[in-house]
């Protein structure tokens, strides 16, 4: 089994907690302050001493904001990141005179954390070596894919073989186009190495639903260019256009602010 706690998820900061109902507790990213990390864990009746490892998807601030202080105060916690991301994090922390247990991983090479199997996979984003994660405990599999400018065949293959899917739905195209962001930032977000729109997320969910997938958690919604109602309506409209029966689907949204919601996969 796996328990999923989307503690924070937005363009301002991301932190997920995953556990297997036993002794293994994993954080995905540390994109909020160290205080916010501790507040999130406290809401689950846990603290930083319970954490087995931290998985980092990439080096952007909304994914590593709290990492320096976390490592300064907890030097033994393993921090896993892919190749060049691990190197960059090591350099960043060294510049701050922070000792850290950085462990370098590779795309498509699984590793174990206390009986949980983690497989990093490549995502298309404007970072040095960004990744998503496929997480397996027993016969249960979760895939986590945010911060991707488009849906690749490789990412889709990881999603389609998962029992639970955490997928980015970052922006509504109209809100972004007519919003206050400068042109260069709009272009970056909409680029093939930017972020995933509601439309692409919806199409991906429709394709996955036709393959039998039913459990989805939409994450990393922009605070300025998206909201849950718009994203949900886009998804439902796309599902209906593709003749997908929505009755058996579980579609939820990760909160932008601190949440103690729990989703279970058995």
C-alpha atoms as a PDB file:
ATOM      1  CA  UNK A   1       0.000   0.000   0.000  1.00  0.00           C
ATOM      2  CA  UNK A   2       0.937   3.632  -0.412  1.00  0.00           C
ATOM      3  CA  UNK A   3      -0.455   6.723   1.307  1.00  0.00           C
ATOM      4  CA  UNK A   4      -0.195  10.065  -0.480  1.00  0.00           C
ATOM      5  CA  UNK A   5      -0.255  13.429   1.296  1.00  0.00           C
ATOM      6  CA  UNK A   6      -0.123  16.446  -1.044  1.00  0.00           C
ATOM      7  CA  UNK A   7       0.988  18.928   1.607  1.00  0.00           C
ATOM      8  CA  UNK A   8       1.648  21.856  -0.752  1.00  0.00           C
ATOM      9  CA  UNK A   9       1.357  22.024  -4.525  1.00  0.00           C
ATOM     10  CA  UNK A  10       1.524  25.186  -6.633  1.00  0.00           C
ATOM     11  CA  UNK A  11       3.873  27.379  -8.624  1.00  0.00           C
ATOM     12  CA  UNK A  12       4.967  28.868  -5.294  1.00  0.00           C
ATOM     13  CA  UNK A  13       6.037  25.683  -3.571  1.00  0.00           C
ATOM     14  CA  UNK A  14       5.723  21.895  -3.728  1.00  0.00           C
ATOM     15  CA  UNK A  15       5.971  19.214  -1.053  1.00  0.00           C
ATOM     16  CA  UNK A  16       4.448  15.728  -1.107  1.00  0.00           C
ATOM     17  CA  UNK A  17       4.694  13.066   1.583  1.00  0.00           C
ATOM     18  CA  UNK A  18       4.471   9.385   0.665  1.00  0.00           C
ATOM     19  CA  UNK A  19       4.479   6.460   3.081  1.00  0.00           C
ATOM     20  CA  UNK A  20       3.825   2.738   2.896  1.00  0.00           C
ATOM     21  CA  UNK A  21       1.866   2.503   6.112  1.00  0.00           C
ATOM     22  CA  UNK A  22       4.960   1.372   7.946  1.00  0.00           C
ATOM     23  CA  UNK A  23       8.415   2.732   8.685  1.00  0.00           C
ATOM     24  CA  UNK A  24       9.164   4.350   5.331  1.00  0.00           C
ATOM     25  CA  UNK A  25       8.335   8.041   4.881  1.00  0.00           C
ATOM     26  CA  UNK A  26       9.442   9.887   1.747  1.00  0.00           C
ATOM     27  CA  UNK A  27       9.214  13.548   0.769  1.00  0.00           C
ATOM     28  CA  UNK A  28       8.991  14.530  -2.882  1.00  0.00           C
ATOM     29  CA  UNK A  29      10.640  17.947  -3.262  1.00  0.00           C
ATOM     30  CA  UNK A  30      11.179  20.582  -0.576  1.00  0.00           C
ATOM     31  CA  UNK A  31       9.888  23.692  -2.292  1.00  0.00           C
ATOM     32  CA  UNK A  32       8.507  25.454   0.773  1.00  0.00           C
ATOM     33  CA  UNK A  33      10.260  26.914   3.808  1.00  0.00           C
ATOM     34  CA  UNK A  34      11.713  24.627   6.443  1.00  0.00           C
ATOM     35  CA  UNK A  35       9.051  25.878   8.852  1.00  0.00           C
ATOM     36  CA  UNK A  36       6.346  24.969   6.321  1.00  0.00           C
ATOM     37  CA  UNK A  37       7.889  21.510   5.902  1.00  0.00           C
ATOM     38  CA  UNK A  38       7.701  20.961   9.631  1.00  0.00           C
ATOM     39  CA  UNK A  39       4.158  22.348   9.780  1.00  0.00           C
ATOM     40  CA  UNK A  40       3.153  19.929   7.034  1.00  0.00           C
ATOM     41  CA  UNK A  41       4.649  16.950   8.815  1.00  0.00           C
ATOM     42  CA  UNK A  42       3.095  18.032  12.105  1.00  0.00           C
ATOM     43  CA  UNK A  43      -0.335  17.992  10.417  1.00  0.00           C
ATOM     44  CA  UNK A  44       0.307  14.273   9.779  1.00  0.00           C
ATOM     45  CA  UNK A  45       1.504  13.649  13.349  1.00  0.00           C
ATOM     46  CA  UNK A  46       5.034  13.193  12.041  1.00  0.00           C
ATOM     47  CA  UNK A  47       8.272  15.142  12.222  1.00  0.00           C
ATOM     48  CA  UNK A  48      11.491  15.383  10.280  1.00  0.00           C
ATOM     49  CA  UNK A  49      13.041  12.507  12.238  1.00  0.00           C
ATOM     50  CA  UNK A  50      10.493  10.180  10.605  1.00  0.00           C
ATOM     51  CA  UNK A  51      11.683  10.994   7.073  1.00  0.00           C
ATOM     52  CA  UNK A  52      13.581   8.202   5.327  1.00  0.00           C
ATOM     53  CA  UNK A  53      14.580  10.225   2.241  1.00  0.00           C
ATOM     54  CA  UNK A  54      13.848  13.272   0.101  1.00  0.00           C
ATOM     55  CA  UNK A  55      13.396  12.907  -3.664  1.00  0.00           C
ATOM     56  CA  UNK A  56      14.144  16.037  -5.713  1.00  0.00           C
ATOM     57  CA  UNK A  57      12.617  16.397  -9.183  1.00  0.00           C
ATOM     58  CA  UNK A  58      14.720  19.409 -10.233  1.00  0.00           C
ATOM     59  CA  UNK A  59      16.478  22.498  -8.958  1.00  0.00           C
ATOM     60  CA  UNK A  60      13.895  25.284  -9.416  1.00  0.00           C
ATOM     61  CA  UNK A  61      13.115  27.272  -6.279  1.00  0.00           C
ATOM     62  CA  UNK A  62       9.545  26.031  -5.891  1.00  0.00           C
ATOM     63  CA  UNK A  63      11.014  22.532  -5.499  1.00  0.00           C
ATOM     64  CA  UNK A  64      14.101  23.136  -3.326  1.00  0.00           C
ATOM     65  CA  UNK A  65      13.381  26.325  -1.346  1.00  0.00           C
ATOM     66  CA  UNK A  66      13.531  24.574   2.026  1.00  0.00           C
ATOM     67  CA  UNK A  67      16.321  22.145   1.162  1.00  0.00           C
ATOM     68  CA  UNK A  68      19.344  24.127   2.429  1.00  0.00           C
ATOM     69  CA  UNK A  69      17.977  24.572   5.949  1.00  0.00           C
ATOM     70  CA  UNK A  70      16.596  21.030   5.969  1.00  0.00           C
ATOM     71  CA  UNK A  71      20.066  19.697   5.169  1.00  0.00           C
ATOM     72  CA  UNK A  72      21.801  22.052   7.610  1.00  0.00           C
ATOM     73  CA  UNK A  73      19.635  20.812  10.460  1.00  0.00           C
ATOM     74  CA  UNK A  74      19.426  17.161   9.315  1.00  0.00           C
ATOM     75  CA  UNK A  75      22.728  16.241   7.689  1.00  0.00           C
ATOM     76  CA  UNK A  76      22.062  12.510   7.533  1.00  0.00           C
ATOM     77  CA  UNK A  77      18.787  12.520   5.585  1.00  0.00           C
ATOM     78  CA  UNK A  78      19.458  11.041   2.112  1.00  0.00           C
ATOM     79  CA  UNK A  79      18.642  13.463  -0.704  1.00  0.00           C
ATOM     80  CA  UNK A  80      18.121  11.665  -4.034  1.00  0.00           C
ATOM     81  CA  UNK A  81      18.378  13.514  -7.349  1.00  0.00           C
ATOM     82  CA  UNK A  82      19.287  12.612 -10.911  1.00  0.00           C
ATOM     83  CA  UNK A  83      22.817  13.122 -12.241  1.00  0.00           C
ATOM     84  CA  UNK A  84      23.396  16.790 -13.039  1.00  0.00           C
ATOM     85  CA  UNK A  85      20.699  17.863 -10.589  1.00  0.00           C
ATOM     86  CA  UNK A  86      22.553  16.086  -7.783  1.00  0.00           C
ATOM     87  CA  UNK A  87      25.799  17.785  -8.829  1.00  0.00           C
ATOM     88  CA  UNK A  88      24.144  21.202  -8.881  1.00  0.00           C
ATOM     89  CA  UNK A  89      22.567  20.680  -5.452  1.00  0.00           C
ATOM     90  CA  UNK A  90      25.906  19.597  -4.030  1.00  0.00           C
ATOM     91  CA  UNK A  91      27.532  22.784  -5.361  1.00  0.00           C
ATOM     92  CA  UNK A  92      24.714  24.987  -4.086  1.00  0.00           C
ATOM     93  CA  UNK A  93      24.910  23.524  -0.585  1.00  0.00           C
ATOM     94  CA  UNK A  94      28.715  23.581  -0.551  1.00  0.00           C
ATOM     95  CA  UNK A  95      28.624  27.324  -1.308  1.00  0.00           C
ATOM     96  CA  UNK A  96      26.484  27.716   1.822  1.00  0.00           C
ATOM     97  CA  UNK A  97      28.892  25.523   3.849  1.00  0.00           C
ATOM     98  CA  UNK A  98      26.177  22.912   4.314  1.00  0.00           C
ATOM     99  CA  UNK A  99      27.027  19.238   4.568  1.00  0.00           C
ATOM    100  CA  UNK A 100      24.449  16.984   2.925  1.00  0.00           C
ATOM    101  CA  UNK A 101      23.942  13.359   2.020  1.00  0.00           C
ATOM    102  CA  UNK A 102      23.301  13.808  -1.716  1.00  0.00           C
ATOM    103  CA  UNK A 103      22.803  10.533  -3.593  1.00  0.00           C
ATOM    104  CA  UNK A 104      23.052  10.593  -7.375  1.00  0.00           C
ATOM    105  CA  UNK A 105      20.505   8.555  -9.360  1.00  0.00           C
ATOM    106  CA  UNK A 106      19.956   7.869 -13.052  1.00  0.00           C
ATOM    107  CA  UNK A 107      16.998   7.883 -15.392  1.00  0.00           C
ATOM    108  CA  UNK A 108      15.255   4.503 -15.678  1.00  0.00           C
ATOM    109  CA  UNK A 109      17.451   2.822 -13.051  1.00  0.00           C
ATOM    110  CA  UNK A 110      15.408   1.804  -9.979  1.00  0.00           C
ATOM    111  CA  UNK A 111      16.691   2.019  -6.420  1.00  0.00           C
ATOM    112  CA  UNK A 112      15.295   0.970  -3.048  1.00  0.00           C
ATOM    113  CA  UNK A 113      14.421   2.942   0.073  1.00  0.00           C
ATOM    114  CA  UNK A 114      13.430   0.593   2.893  1.00  0.00           C
ATOM    115  CA  UNK A 115      11.526  -1.739   0.599  1.00  0.00           C
ATOM    116  CA  UNK A 116       9.983   0.955  -1.604  1.00  0.00           C
ATOM    117  CA  UNK A 117      11.239   0.923  -5.192  1.00  0.00           C
ATOM    118  CA  UNK A 118      11.852   4.299  -6.844  1.00  0.00           C
ATOM    119  CA  UNK A 119      12.376   4.691 -10.579  1.00  0.00           C
ATOM    120  CA  UNK A 120      13.251   8.185 -11.881  1.00  0.00           C
ATOM    121  CA  UNK A 121      12.186   8.993 -15.431  1.00  0.00           C
ATOM    122  CA  UNK A 122      12.994  11.903 -17.719  1.00  0.00           C
ATOM    123  CA  UNK A 123      10.580  14.844 -18.004  1.00  0.00           C
ATOM    124  CA  UNK A 124      10.779  17.687 -20.554  1.00  0.00           C
ATOM    125  CA  UNK A 125      11.408  20.834 -18.504  1.00  0.00           C
ATOM    126  CA  UNK A 126      13.885  23.731 -18.556  1.00  0.00           C
ATOM    127  CA  UNK A 127      16.088  22.386 -15.779  1.00  0.00           C
ATOM    128  CA  UNK A 128      19.455  20.614 -15.837  1.00  0.00           C
ATOM    129  CA  UNK A 129      18.143  17.042 -15.430  1.00  0.00           C
ATOM    130  CA  UNK A 130      14.460  17.046 -14.412  1.00  0.00           C
ATOM    131  CA  UNK A 131      12.608  13.870 -13.556  1.00  0.00           C
ATOM    132  CA  UNK A 132       9.385  12.309 -12.419  1.00  0.00           C
ATOM    133  CA  UNK A 133       9.165   9.261 -10.187  1.00  0.00           C
ATOM    134  CA  UNK A 134       7.472   5.887 -10.345  1.00  0.00           C
ATOM    135  CA  UNK A 135       7.113   4.575  -6.813  1.00  0.00           C
ATOM    136  CA  UNK A 136       6.288   0.951  -6.065  1.00  0.00           C
ATOM    137  CA  UNK A 137       5.443  -0.763  -2.781  1.00  0.00           C
ATOM    138  CA  UNK A 138       4.444  -4.412  -3.065  1.00  0.00           C
ATOM    139  CA  UNK A 139       2.016  -4.628  -5.983  1.00  0.00           C
ATOM    140  CA  UNK A 140       1.040  -0.950  -5.754  1.00  0.00           C
ATOM    141  CA  UNK A 141       2.496   1.673  -8.085  1.00  0.00           C
ATOM    142  CA  UNK A 142       2.285   5.480  -8.063  1.00  0.00           C
ATOM    143  CA  UNK A 143       3.625   7.806 -10.749  1.00  0.00           C
ATOM    144  CA  UNK A 144       4.464  11.454 -10.113  1.00  0.00           C
ATOM    145  CA  UNK A 145       4.883  13.748 -13.135  1.00  0.00           C
ATOM    146  CA  UNK A 146       4.844  17.535 -12.807  1.00  0.00           C
ATOM    147  CA  UNK A 147       6.814  20.317 -14.494  1.00  0.00           C
ATOM    148  CA  UNK A 148       6.726  19.024 -18.045  1.00  0.00           C
ATOM    149  CA  UNK A 149       6.199  21.130 -21.143  1.00  0.00           C
ATOM    150  CA  UNK A 150       4.578  18.343 -23.136  1.00  0.00           C
ATOM    151  CA  UNK A 151       3.538  14.727 -22.748  1.00  0.00           C
ATOM    152  CA  UNK A 152       6.214  12.394 -24.084  1.00  0.00           C
ATOM    153  CA  UNK A 153       5.718   8.759 -24.987  1.00  0.00           C
ATOM    154  CA  UNK A 154       8.122   7.711 -22.233  1.00  0.00           C
ATOM    155  CA  UNK A 155       6.278   9.648 -19.515  1.00  0.00           C
ATOM    156  CA  UNK A 156       2.949   8.294 -20.753  1.00  0.00           C
ATOM    157  CA  UNK A 157       4.264   4.728 -20.574  1.00  0.00           C
ATOM    158  CA  UNK A 158       5.154   5.216 -16.915  1.00  0.00           C
ATOM    159  CA  UNK A 159       1.728   6.659 -16.180  1.00  0.00           C
ATOM    160  CA  UNK A 160      -0.242   3.937 -17.921  1.00  0.00           C
ATOM    161  CA  UNK A 161       1.272   1.197 -15.779  1.00  0.00           C
ATOM    162  CA  UNK A 162       0.459   2.932 -12.478  1.00  0.00           C
ATOM    163  CA  UNK A 163      -2.374   2.441 -10.016  1.00  0.00           C
ATOM    164  CA  UNK A 164      -2.377   6.136  -9.076  1.00  0.00           C
ATOM    165  CA  UNK A 165      -1.254   9.111 -11.137  1.00  0.00           C
ATOM    166  CA  UNK A 166      -0.150  12.545  -9.937  1.00  0.00           C
ATOM    167  CA  UNK A 167      -0.086  14.803 -12.987  1.00  0.00           C
ATOM    168  CA  UNK A 168       0.514  18.489 -13.573  1.00  0.00           C
ATOM    169  CA  UNK A 169      -2.325  20.768 -14.674  1.00  0.00           C
ATOM    170  CA  UNK A 170      -0.480  24.055 -14.481  1.00  0.00           C
ATOM    171  CA  UNK A 171      -2.365  26.618 -16.535  1.00  0.00           C
ATOM    172  CA  UNK A 172      -5.501  27.499 -18.420  1.00  0.00           C
ATOM    173  CA  UNK A 173      -4.479  28.789 -21.850  1.00  0.00           C
ATOM    174  CA  UNK A 174      -6.913  31.733 -21.900  1.00  0.00           C
ATOM    175  CA  UNK A 175      -5.994  32.836 -18.377  1.00  0.00           C
ATOM    176  CA  UNK A 176      -2.321  32.754 -19.287  1.00  0.00           C
ATOM    177  CA  UNK A 177      -2.769  34.488 -22.652  1.00  0.00           C
ATOM    178  CA  UNK A 178      -4.807  37.352 -21.205  1.00  0.00           C
ATOM    179  CA  UNK A 179      -3.088  37.485 -17.822  1.00  0.00           C
ATOM    180  CA  UNK A 180      -0.539  39.890 -16.408  1.00  0.00           C
ATOM    181  CA  UNK A 181       2.604  37.836 -17.031  1.00  0.00           C
ATOM    182  CA  UNK A 182       5.196  39.379 -19.416  1.00  0.00           C
ATOM    183  CA  UNK A 183       5.454  37.843 -22.866  1.00  0.00           C
ATOM    184  CA  UNK A 184       8.771  36.074 -22.231  1.00  0.00           C
ATOM    185  CA  UNK A 185       7.328  34.303 -19.191  1.00  0.00           C
ATOM    186  CA  UNK A 186       4.168  33.277 -21.065  1.00  0.00           C
ATOM    187  CA  UNK A 187       6.345  31.896 -23.862  1.00  0.00           C
ATOM    188  CA  UNK A 188       8.460  29.954 -21.371  1.00  0.00           C
ATOM    189  CA  UNK A 189       5.424  28.405 -19.650  1.00  0.00           C
ATOM    190  CA  UNK A 190       3.841  27.377 -22.965  1.00  0.00           C
ATOM    191  CA  UNK A 191       7.079  26.018 -24.445  1.00  0.00           C
ATOM    192  CA  UNK A 192       7.776  22.277 -24.913  1.00  0.00           C
ATOM    193  CA  UNK A 193      10.020  22.482 -21.837  1.00  0.00           C
ATOM    194  CA  UNK A 194       7.685  24.606 -19.755  1.00  0.00           C
ATOM    195  CA  UNK A 195       4.519  23.438 -18.032  1.00  0.00           C
ATOM    196  CA  UNK A 196       1.497  21.288 -18.845  1.00  0.00           C
ATOM    197  CA  UNK A 197      -1.764  23.025 -19.722  1.00  0.00           C
ATOM    198  CA  UNK A 198      -5.208  21.896 -18.594  1.00  0.00           C
ATOM    199  CA  UNK A 199      -5.927  20.850 -22.192  1.00  0.00           C
ATOM    200  CA  UNK A 200      -2.928  18.521 -22.417  1.00  0.00           C
ATOM    201  CA  UNK A 201      -3.579  17.134 -18.936  1.00  0.00           C
ATOM    202  CA  UNK A 202      -7.197  16.484 -19.896  1.00  0.00           C
ATOM    203  CA  UNK A 203      -6.232  14.712 -23.128  1.00  0.00           C
ATOM    204  CA  UNK A 204      -3.706  12.601 -21.221  1.00  0.00           C
ATOM    205  CA  UNK A 205      -6.314  11.623 -18.624  1.00  0.00           C
ATOM    206  CA  UNK A 206      -8.748  10.675 -21.393  1.00  0.00           C
ATOM    207  CA  UNK A 207      -6.146   8.423 -23.015  1.00  0.00           C
ATOM    208  CA  UNK A 208      -5.262   6.830 -19.678  1.00  0.00           C
ATOM    209  CA  UNK A 209      -8.912   6.353 -18.709  1.00  0.00           C
ATOM    210  CA  UNK A 210      -9.504   4.426 -21.918  1.00  0.00           C
ATOM    211  CA  UNK A 211      -6.697   2.099 -20.825  1.00  0.00           C
ATOM    212  CA  UNK A 212      -8.425   1.508 -17.509  1.00  0.00           C
ATOM    213  CA  UNK A 213      -6.728   4.052 -15.259  1.00  0.00           C
ATOM    214  CA  UNK A 214      -9.105   5.613 -12.755  1.00  0.00           C
ATOM    215  CA  UNK A 215      -7.200   7.487 -10.028  1.00  0.00           C
ATOM    216  CA  UNK A 216      -5.829  10.950 -10.724  1.00  0.00           C
ATOM    217  CA  UNK A 217      -4.495  13.785  -8.581  1.00  0.00           C
ATOM    218  CA  UNK A 218      -3.937  17.048 -10.452  1.00  0.00           C
ATOM    219  CA  UNK A 219      -1.021  19.059  -9.103  1.00  0.00           C
ATOM    220  CA  UNK A 220       1.121  22.181  -9.516  1.00  0.00           C
ATOM    221  CA  UNK A 221      -1.783  24.467 -10.484  1.00  0.00           C
ATOM    222  CA  UNK A 222      -0.644  28.021 -11.133  1.00  0.00           C
ATOM    223  CA  UNK A 223      -1.803  30.538  -8.562  1.00  0.00           C
ATOM    224  CA  UNK A 224      -2.350  33.171 -11.261  1.00  0.00           C
ATOM    225  CA  UNK A 225      -3.293  31.212 -14.369  1.00  0.00           C
ATOM    226  CA  UNK A 226      -5.516  28.386 -13.167  1.00  0.00           C
ATOM    227  CA  UNK A 227      -8.031  27.228 -10.615  1.00  0.00           C
ATOM    228  CA  UNK A 228      -9.671  23.921  -9.743  1.00  0.00           C
ATOM    229  CA  UNK A 229     -13.060  24.723 -11.275  1.00  0.00           C
ATOM    230  CA  UNK A 230     -11.620  25.667 -14.655  1.00  0.00           C
ATOM    231  CA  UNK A 231      -9.261  22.688 -14.693  1.00  0.00           C
ATOM    232  CA  UNK A 232     -12.023  20.264 -13.687  1.00  0.00           C
ATOM    233  CA  UNK A 233     -14.430  21.594 -16.324  1.00  0.00           C
ATOM    234  CA  UNK A 234     -11.748  21.269 -19.006  1.00  0.00           C
ATOM    235  CA  UNK A 235     -11.070  17.680 -17.989  1.00  0.00           C
ATOM    236  CA  UNK A 236     -14.733  16.661 -17.847  1.00  0.00           C
ATOM    237  CA  UNK A 237     -15.451  18.296 -21.214  1.00  0.00           C
ATOM    238  CA  UNK A 238     -12.511  16.477 -22.812  1.00  0.00           C
ATOM    239  CA  UNK A 239     -13.538  13.155 -21.278  1.00  0.00           C
ATOM    240  CA  UNK A 240     -17.061  13.499 -22.638  1.00  0.00           C
ATOM    241  CA  UNK A 241     -15.748  14.491 -26.071  1.00  0.00           C
ATOM    242  CA  UNK A 242     -13.722  11.272 -26.051  1.00  0.00           C
ATOM    243  CA  UNK A 243     -16.693   9.132 -24.923  1.00  0.00           C
ATOM    244  CA  UNK A 244     -15.072   8.287 -21.594  1.00  0.00           C
ATOM    245  CA  UNK A 245     -17.380   7.104 -18.825  1.00  0.00           C
ATOM    246  CA  UNK A 246     -16.555   9.384 -15.884  1.00  0.00           C
ATOM    247  CA  UNK A 247     -18.530   7.476 -13.243  1.00  0.00           C
ATOM    248  CA  UNK A 248     -15.610   5.240 -12.265  1.00  0.00           C
ATOM    249  CA  UNK A 249     -12.960   7.992 -12.259  1.00  0.00           C
ATOM    250  CA  UNK A 250     -11.496   9.595  -9.151  1.00  0.00           C
ATOM    251  CA  UNK A 251     -10.228  13.078 -10.044  1.00  0.00           C
ATOM    252  CA  UNK A 252      -8.864  15.231  -7.228  1.00  0.00           C
ATOM    253  CA  UNK A 253      -6.724  18.328  -6.873  1.00  0.00           C
ATOM    254  CA  UNK A 254      -3.678  18.917  -4.694  1.00  0.00           C
ATOM    255  CA  UNK A 255      -4.137  21.989  -2.535  1.00  0.00           C
ATOM    256  CA  UNK A 256      -2.029  25.088  -3.123  1.00  0.00           C
ATOM    257  CA  UNK A 257      -1.878  25.702   0.628  1.00  0.00           C
ATOM    258  CA  UNK A 258      -1.186  23.340   3.518  1.00  0.00           C
ATOM    259  CA  UNK A 259      -3.412  20.297   3.317  1.00  0.00           C
ATOM    260  CA  UNK A 260      -3.602  17.126   5.400  1.00  0.00           C
ATOM    261  CA  UNK A 261      -5.629  15.288   2.739  1.00  0.00           C
ATOM    262  CA  UNK A 262      -4.755  11.638   2.294  1.00  0.00           C
ATOM    263  CA  UNK A 263      -5.176   9.356  -0.714  1.00  0.00           C
ATOM    264  CA  UNK A 264      -4.631   5.637  -0.332  1.00  0.00           C
ATOM    265  CA  UNK A 265      -3.590   2.976  -2.833  1.00  0.00           C
ATOM    266  CA  UNK A 266      -4.003  -0.633  -1.748  1.00  0.00           C
END
